[in-house]
Amino acid sequence: MRHLFLLLTVLALPITNKLQGQTLQFSRVLFVTTTQTVPANKVWKVESILYSAAPTNIMGGNQNDQLVIDGNAMTVRATRSSNGGYNAVTYGVWEQKLPLWMPAGSTLAAGQNVNSISVVEFTVVP
């Protein structure tokens, strides 16, 4: 019985070694405005977004605030207001929940109504 346990333990070691996770080591903090690529062996954690415009609520209308991820515009905040002039009422605000994790090779840029994006970069340590 002891030999069977030893044999199963030895056979299981390569499997458990492959299942172990990787470690992330802090690298730097950066603000992204123009298109930047997550470097090899790095991951980015998008922490916050600095908007260039407040949600529309005085003159009414709709507003979409966007990030550009891998060339695609993604809405991260949307506001819908009535068209009542100075009596306009904001009736809907939706915001993307953060953080947002980005793998190596992904691209990121500030889009419509976004001034910059606060990112924490980590190095992937095997």
C-alpha atoms as a PDB file:
ATOM      1  CA  MET A   1       0.000   0.000   0.000  1.00  0.00           C
ATOM      2  CA  ARG A   2       2.855   2.373   0.822  1.00  0.00           C
ATOM      3  CA  HIS A   3       4.423   1.687  -2.597  1.00  0.00           C
ATOM      4  CA  LEU A   4       1.142   2.494  -4.344  1.00  0.00           C
ATOM      5  CA  PHE A   5       0.892   5.815  -2.431  1.00  0.00           C
ATOM      6  CA  LEU A   6       4.511   6.647  -3.353  1.00  0.00           C
ATOM      7  CA  LEU A   7       3.910   5.793  -7.007  1.00  0.00           C
ATOM      8  CA  LEU A   8       0.749   7.972  -7.153  1.00  0.00           C
ATOM      9  CA  THR A   9       2.573  10.862  -5.461  1.00  0.00           C
ATOM     10  CA  VAL A  10       5.463  10.712  -7.947  1.00  0.00           C
ATOM     11  CA  LEU A  11       3.064  10.559 -10.901  1.00  0.00           C
ATOM     12  CA  ALA A  12       1.035  13.522  -9.580  1.00  0.00           C
ATOM     13  CA  LEU A  13       4.014  15.889  -9.127  1.00  0.00           C
ATOM     14  CA  PRO A  14       4.301  16.936 -12.805  1.00  0.00           C
ATOM     15  CA  ILE A  15       0.567  17.649 -12.911  1.00  0.00           C
ATOM     16  CA  THR A  16       0.545  19.782  -9.750  1.00  0.00           C
ATOM     17  CA  ASN A  17       3.634  21.695 -10.910  1.00  0.00           C
ATOM     18  CA  LYS A  18       1.802  22.671 -14.118  1.00  0.00           C
ATOM     19  CA  LEU A  19      -1.220  23.856 -12.121  1.00  0.00           C
ATOM     20  CA  GLN A  20       0.764  26.271  -9.974  1.00  0.00           C
ATOM     21  CA  GLY A  21       0.046  29.925 -10.671  1.00  0.00           C
ATOM     22  CA  GLN A  22       2.457  32.646 -11.592  1.00  0.00           C
ATOM     23  CA  THR A  23       3.516  35.533  -9.396  1.00  0.00           C
ATOM     24  CA  LEU A  24       2.978  39.175 -10.278  1.00  0.00           C
ATOM     25  CA  GLN A  25       5.688  41.611  -9.221  1.00  0.00           C
ATOM     26  CA  PHE A  26       4.996  45.366  -9.152  1.00  0.00           C
ATOM     27  CA  SER A  27       6.779  47.164 -11.987  1.00  0.00           C
ATOM     28  CA  ARG A  28       5.476  50.756 -12.306  1.00  0.00           C
ATOM     29  CA  VAL A  29       2.490  53.094 -12.455  1.00  0.00           C
ATOM     30  CA  LEU A  30       1.678  54.934 -15.650  1.00  0.00           C
ATOM     31  CA  PHE A  31      -0.915  57.175 -17.268  1.00  0.00           C
ATOM     32  CA  VAL A  32      -2.010  56.059 -20.724  1.00  0.00           C
ATOM     33  CA  THR A  33      -3.348  58.613 -23.201  1.00  0.00           C
ATOM     34  CA  THR A  34      -2.223  57.533 -26.680  1.00  0.00           C
ATOM     35  CA  THR A  35      -2.119  53.939 -27.898  1.00  0.00           C
ATOM     36  CA  GLN A  36       0.307  51.841 -25.849  1.00  0.00           C
ATOM     37  CA  THR A  37       0.930  48.095 -25.880  1.00  0.00           C
ATOM     38  CA  VAL A  38       1.256  45.913 -22.795  1.00  0.00           C
ATOM     39  CA  PRO A  39       4.891  44.665 -23.036  1.00  0.00           C
ATOM     40  CA  ALA A  40       5.837  40.982 -23.156  1.00  0.00           C
ATOM     41  CA  ASN A  41       5.918  39.273 -19.729  1.00  0.00           C
ATOM     42  CA  LYS A  42       3.781  42.087 -18.246  1.00  0.00           C
ATOM     43  CA  VAL A  43       0.135  42.557 -17.296  1.00  0.00           C
ATOM     44  CA  TRP A  44      -1.681  45.821 -16.751  1.00  0.00           C
ATOM     45  CA  LYS A  45      -4.302  46.522 -14.125  1.00  0.00           C
ATOM     46  CA  VAL A  46      -6.493  49.476 -15.135  1.00  0.00           C
ATOM     47  CA  GLU A  47      -7.247  51.187 -11.826  1.00  0.00           C
ATOM     48  CA  SER A  48      -9.120  54.350 -12.756  1.00  0.00           C
ATOM     49  CA  ILE A  49     -10.176  56.591 -15.607  1.00  0.00           C
ATOM     50  CA  LEU A  50      -9.756  60.354 -15.650  1.00  0.00           C
ATOM     51  CA  TYR A  51     -12.642  61.739 -17.689  1.00  0.00           C
ATOM     52  CA  SER A  52     -12.320  64.936 -19.698  1.00  0.00           C
ATOM     53  CA  ALA A  53     -16.017  65.787 -19.458  1.00  0.00           C
ATOM     54  CA  ALA A  54     -18.656  65.577 -16.741  1.00  0.00           C
ATOM     55  CA  PRO A  55     -21.742  63.531 -17.569  1.00  0.00           C
ATOM     56  CA  THR A  56     -24.255  65.497 -19.614  1.00  0.00           C
ATOM     57  CA  ASN A  57     -27.018  66.748 -17.329  1.00  0.00           C
ATOM     58  CA  ILE A  58     -27.653  70.448 -17.983  1.00  0.00           C
ATOM     59  CA  MET A  59     -28.595  70.609 -21.660  1.00  0.00           C
ATOM     60  CA  GLY A  60     -29.781  67.018 -21.940  1.00  0.00           C
ATOM     61  CA  GLY A  61     -28.674  64.373 -24.379  1.00  0.00           C
ATOM     62  CA  ASN A  62     -26.522  61.286 -24.328  1.00  0.00           C
ATOM     63  CA  GLN A  63     -22.827  60.852 -23.616  1.00  0.00           C
ATOM     64  CA  ASN A  64     -20.552  57.841 -24.065  1.00  0.00           C
ATOM     65  CA  ASP A  65     -17.057  57.860 -22.568  1.00  0.00           C
ATOM     66  CA  GLN A  66     -14.725  55.320 -24.130  1.00  0.00           C
ATOM     67  CA  LEU A  67     -11.446  53.453 -23.920  1.00  0.00           C
ATOM     68  CA  VAL A  68      -9.885  51.975 -27.034  1.00  0.00           C
ATOM     69  CA  ILE A  69      -8.868  48.369 -26.342  1.00  0.00           C
ATOM     70  CA  ASP A  70      -7.152  46.413 -29.114  1.00  0.00           C
ATOM     71  CA  GLY A  71      -8.438  48.980 -31.626  1.00  0.00           C
ATOM     72  CA  ASN A  72     -12.071  48.719 -30.497  1.00  0.00           C
ATOM     73  CA  ALA A  73     -13.903  51.586 -28.792  1.00  0.00           C
ATOM     74  CA  MET A  74     -15.390  50.316 -25.527  1.00  0.00           C
ATOM     75  CA  THR A  75     -17.875  52.421 -23.561  1.00  0.00           C
ATOM     76  CA  VAL A  76     -16.815  52.679 -19.907  1.00  0.00           C
ATOM     77  CA  ARG A  77     -19.377  55.277 -18.824  1.00  0.00           C
ATOM     78  CA  ALA A  78     -22.711  56.143 -20.432  1.00  0.00           C
ATOM     79  CA  THR A  79     -25.112  58.886 -19.420  1.00  0.00           C
ATOM     80  CA  ARG A  80     -28.647  59.411 -20.674  1.00  0.00           C
ATOM     81  CA  SER A  81     -30.550  62.646 -19.986  1.00  0.00           C
ATOM     82  CA  SER A  82     -33.847  64.165 -20.929  1.00  0.00           C
ATOM     83  CA  ASN A  83     -33.857  66.938 -23.507  1.00  0.00           C
ATOM     84  CA  GLY A  84     -35.400  69.565 -21.262  1.00  0.00           C
ATOM     85  CA  GLY A  85     -32.907  72.419 -21.629  1.00  0.00           C
ATOM     86  CA  TYR A  86     -32.002  73.858 -18.236  1.00  0.00           C
ATOM     87  CA  ASN A  87     -34.532  71.557 -16.582  1.00  0.00           C
ATOM     88  CA  ALA A  88     -32.870  68.421 -17.991  1.00  0.00           C
ATOM     89  CA  VAL A  89     -32.664  65.470 -15.650  1.00  0.00           C
ATOM     90  CA  THR A  90     -30.086  62.723 -15.804  1.00  0.00           C
ATOM     91  CA  TYR A  91     -32.002  59.461 -15.726  1.00  0.00           C
ATOM     92  CA  GLY A  92     -29.259  56.927 -16.303  1.00  0.00           C
ATOM     93  CA  VAL A  93     -25.544  56.628 -15.598  1.00  0.00           C
ATOM     94  CA  TRP A  94     -23.720  53.380 -16.197  1.00  0.00           C
ATOM     95  CA  GLU A  95     -20.033  52.831 -15.373  1.00  0.00           C
ATOM     96  CA  GLN A  96     -17.701  49.922 -16.068  1.00  0.00           C
ATOM     97  CA  LYS A  97     -16.554  48.272 -12.845  1.00  0.00           C
ATOM     98  CA  LEU A  98     -12.808  48.386 -12.305  1.00  0.00           C
ATOM     99  CA  PRO A  99     -10.186  46.994 -12.126  1.00  0.00           C
ATOM    100  CA  LEU A 100      -9.759  45.737 -15.660  1.00  0.00           C
ATOM    101  CA  TRP A 101      -6.840  43.349 -16.304  1.00  0.00           C
ATOM    102  CA  MET A 102      -5.001  43.362 -19.639  1.00  0.00           C
ATOM    103  CA  PRO A 103      -2.579  40.654 -20.838  1.00  0.00           C
ATOM    104  CA  ALA A 104       0.682  41.149 -22.734  1.00  0.00           C
ATOM    105  CA  GLY A 105       0.189  42.229 -26.339  1.00  0.00           C
ATOM    106  CA  SER A 106      -3.066  44.118 -25.666  1.00  0.00           C
ATOM    107  CA  THR A 107      -3.297  47.767 -26.684  1.00  0.00           C
ATOM    108  CA  LEU A 108      -4.936  50.568 -24.726  1.00  0.00           C
ATOM    109  CA  ALA A 109      -5.681  54.238 -25.448  1.00  0.00           C
ATOM    110  CA  ALA A 110      -7.901  57.006 -24.103  1.00  0.00           C
ATOM    111  CA  GLY A 111     -10.965  57.386 -26.284  1.00  0.00           C
ATOM    112  CA  GLN A 112     -13.936  59.756 -26.435  1.00  0.00           C
ATOM    113  CA  ASN A 113     -14.270  61.980 -23.310  1.00  0.00           C
ATOM    114  CA  VAL A 114     -11.336  60.267 -21.539  1.00  0.00           C
ATOM    115  CA  ASN A 115      -8.274  62.300 -20.616  1.00  0.00           C
ATOM    116  CA  SER A 116      -6.041  59.501 -19.316  1.00  0.00           C
ATOM    117  CA  ILE A 117      -6.083  56.031 -17.820  1.00  0.00           C
ATOM    118  CA  SER A 118      -4.308  55.126 -14.584  1.00  0.00           C
ATOM    119  CA  VAL A 119      -2.549  51.754 -14.946  1.00  0.00           C
ATOM    120  CA  VAL A 120      -0.436  49.610 -12.624  1.00  0.00           C
ATOM    121  CA  GLU A 121       2.043  47.403 -14.473  1.00  0.00           C
ATOM    122  CA  PHE A 122       3.176  44.037 -13.129  1.00  0.00           C
ATOM    123  CA  THR A 123       5.918  41.690 -14.312  1.00  0.00           C
ATOM    124  CA  VAL A 124       4.880  38.053 -14.651  1.00  0.00           C
ATOM    125  CA  VAL A 125       7.332  35.907 -12.675  1.00  0.00           C
ATOM    126  CA  PRO A 126       7.122  32.179 -13.502  1.00  0.00           C
END
